[in-house]
C-alpha atoms as a PDB file:
ATOM      1  CA  MET A   1     120.072 104.761  97.915  1.00  0.00           C
ATOM      2  CA  LYS A   2     120.304 106.799  94.750  1.00  0.00           C
ATOM      3  CA  ALA A   3     117.290 108.876  93.631  1.00  0.00           C
ATOM      4  CA  ILE A   4     115.196 107.398  90.823  1.00  0.00           C
ATOM      5  CA  ASP A   5     113.928 109.639  88.023  1.00  0.00           C
ATOM      6  CA  MET A   6     110.330 108.569  87.419  1.00  0.00           C
ATOM      7  CA  ALA A   7     109.547 111.555  85.135  1.00  0.00           C
ATOM      8  CA  PRO A   8     109.566 109.595  81.828  1.00  0.00           C
ATOM      9  CA  ILE A   9     107.151 106.994  83.245  1.00  0.00           C
ATOM     10  CA  MET A  10     104.944 109.687  84.787  1.00  0.00           C
ATOM     11  CA  LYS A  11     104.684 111.513  81.455  1.00  0.00           C
ATOM     12  CA  LYS A  12     103.825 108.371  79.496  1.00  0.00           C
ATOM     13  CA  TYR A  13     101.327 106.692  81.867  1.00  0.00           C
ATOM     14  CA  PRO A  14      99.271 109.338  83.745  1.00  0.00           C
ATOM     15  CA  GLY A  15      96.303 107.788  85.529  1.00  0.00           C
ATOM     16  CA  TYR A  16      97.461 104.195  84.948  1.00  0.00           C
ATOM     17  CA  PHE A  17      98.544 101.500  87.333  1.00  0.00           C
ATOM     18  CA  VAL A  18     101.969 100.241  86.323  1.00  0.00           C
ATOM     19  CA  ALA A  19     103.942  97.145  87.271  1.00  0.00           C
ATOM     20  CA  LEU A  20     107.608  98.070  87.505  1.00  0.00           C
ATOM     21  CA  SER A  21     110.883  96.170  87.542  1.00  0.00           C
ATOM     22  CA  TYR A  22     112.816  96.198  90.830  1.00  0.00           C
ATOM     23  CA  ASP A  23     115.141  98.938  89.575  1.00  0.00           C
ATOM     24  CA  ARG A  24     111.981 100.969  88.724  1.00  0.00           C
ATOM     25  CA  LYS A  25     113.281 101.768  85.240  1.00  0.00           C
ATOM     26  CA  LYS A  26     111.151  99.405  83.148  1.00  0.00           C
ATOM     27  CA  VAL A  27     107.370  99.167  82.914  1.00  0.00           C
ATOM     28  CA  LEU A  28     106.412  95.484  82.864  1.00  0.00           C
ATOM     29  CA  GLY A  29     102.667  96.027  82.583  1.00  0.00           C
ATOM     30  CA  LYS A  30     100.045  98.784  82.668  1.00  0.00           C
ATOM     31  CA  GLY A  31      96.306  99.021  83.115  1.00  0.00           C
ATOM     32  CA  ARG A  32      93.403 101.060  84.427  1.00  0.00           C
ATOM     33  CA  THR A  33      93.174  98.639  87.369  1.00  0.00           C
ATOM     34  CA  PRO A  34      95.911  96.990  89.449  1.00  0.00           C
ATOM     35  CA  GLU A  35      94.718  93.592  88.228  1.00  0.00           C
ATOM     36  CA  GLU A  36      95.249  94.555  84.557  1.00  0.00           C
ATOM     37  CA  ALA A  37      98.799  95.763  85.209  1.00  0.00           C
ATOM     38  CA  LEU A  38      99.724  92.638  87.179  1.00  0.00           C
ATOM     39  CA  LYS A  39      98.121  90.330  84.630  1.00  0.00           C
ATOM     40  CA  GLU A  40     100.157  91.885  81.802  1.00  0.00           C
ATOM     41  CA  ALA A  41     103.389  91.581  83.806  1.00  0.00           C
ATOM     42  CA  ASN A  42     102.582  87.952  84.687  1.00  0.00           C
ATOM     43  CA  ARG A  43     101.925  87.135  81.003  1.00  0.00           C
ATOM     44  CA  LYS A  44     105.423  88.429  80.260  1.00  0.00           C
ATOM     45  CA  GLY A  45     106.875  86.104  82.910  1.00  0.00           C
ATOM     46  CA  TYR A  46     107.347  88.524  85.809  1.00  0.00           C
ATOM     47  CA  LYS A  47     106.006  87.087  89.052  1.00  0.00           C
ATOM     48  CA  ASP A  48     106.298  89.801  91.699  1.00  0.00           C
ATOM     49  CA  PRO A  49     106.688  93.307  90.198  1.00  0.00           C
ATOM     50  CA  ILE A  50     106.379  96.581  92.065  1.00  0.00           C
ATOM     51  CA  LEU A  51     102.894  98.026  91.577  1.00  0.00           C
ATOM     52  CA  THR A  52     102.094 101.727  91.727  1.00  0.00           C
ATOM     53  CA  ARG A  53      99.563 104.199  90.380  1.00  0.00           C
ATOM     54  CA  ILE A  54     100.840 107.131  88.344  1.00  0.00           C
ATOM     55  CA  PRO A  55      98.986 110.364  89.209  1.00  0.00           C
ATOM     56  CA  TYR A  56      97.416 112.538  86.522  1.00  0.00           C
ATOM     57  CA  GLU A  57      99.457 115.516  87.675  1.00  0.00           C
ATOM     58  CA  ASN A  58     102.842 115.749  89.321  1.00  0.00           C
ATOM     59  CA  ARG A  59     102.327 118.000  92.326  1.00  0.00           C
ATOM     60  CA  SER A  60     104.293 118.706  95.451  1.00  0.00           C
ATOM     61  CA  TYR A  61     102.748 119.575  98.784  1.00  0.00           C
ATOM     62  CA  LEU A  62     104.352 121.294 101.719  1.00  0.00           C
ATOM     63  CA  LEU A  63     103.066 120.606 105.175  1.00  0.00           C
END
């Protein structure tokens, strides 16, 4: 599978829950809660989007 560049979405929606298309390139809905993001996507006609929370900061951790 090819890597997906989420940087534009991470810059635009820090701290939000976002409902994404299956290719993870289009935001179908956003909200401060998962319910808000899913409700917005459902209003637009999308039934089963991918839901994720965008962190406030993009950090990497090494273990």
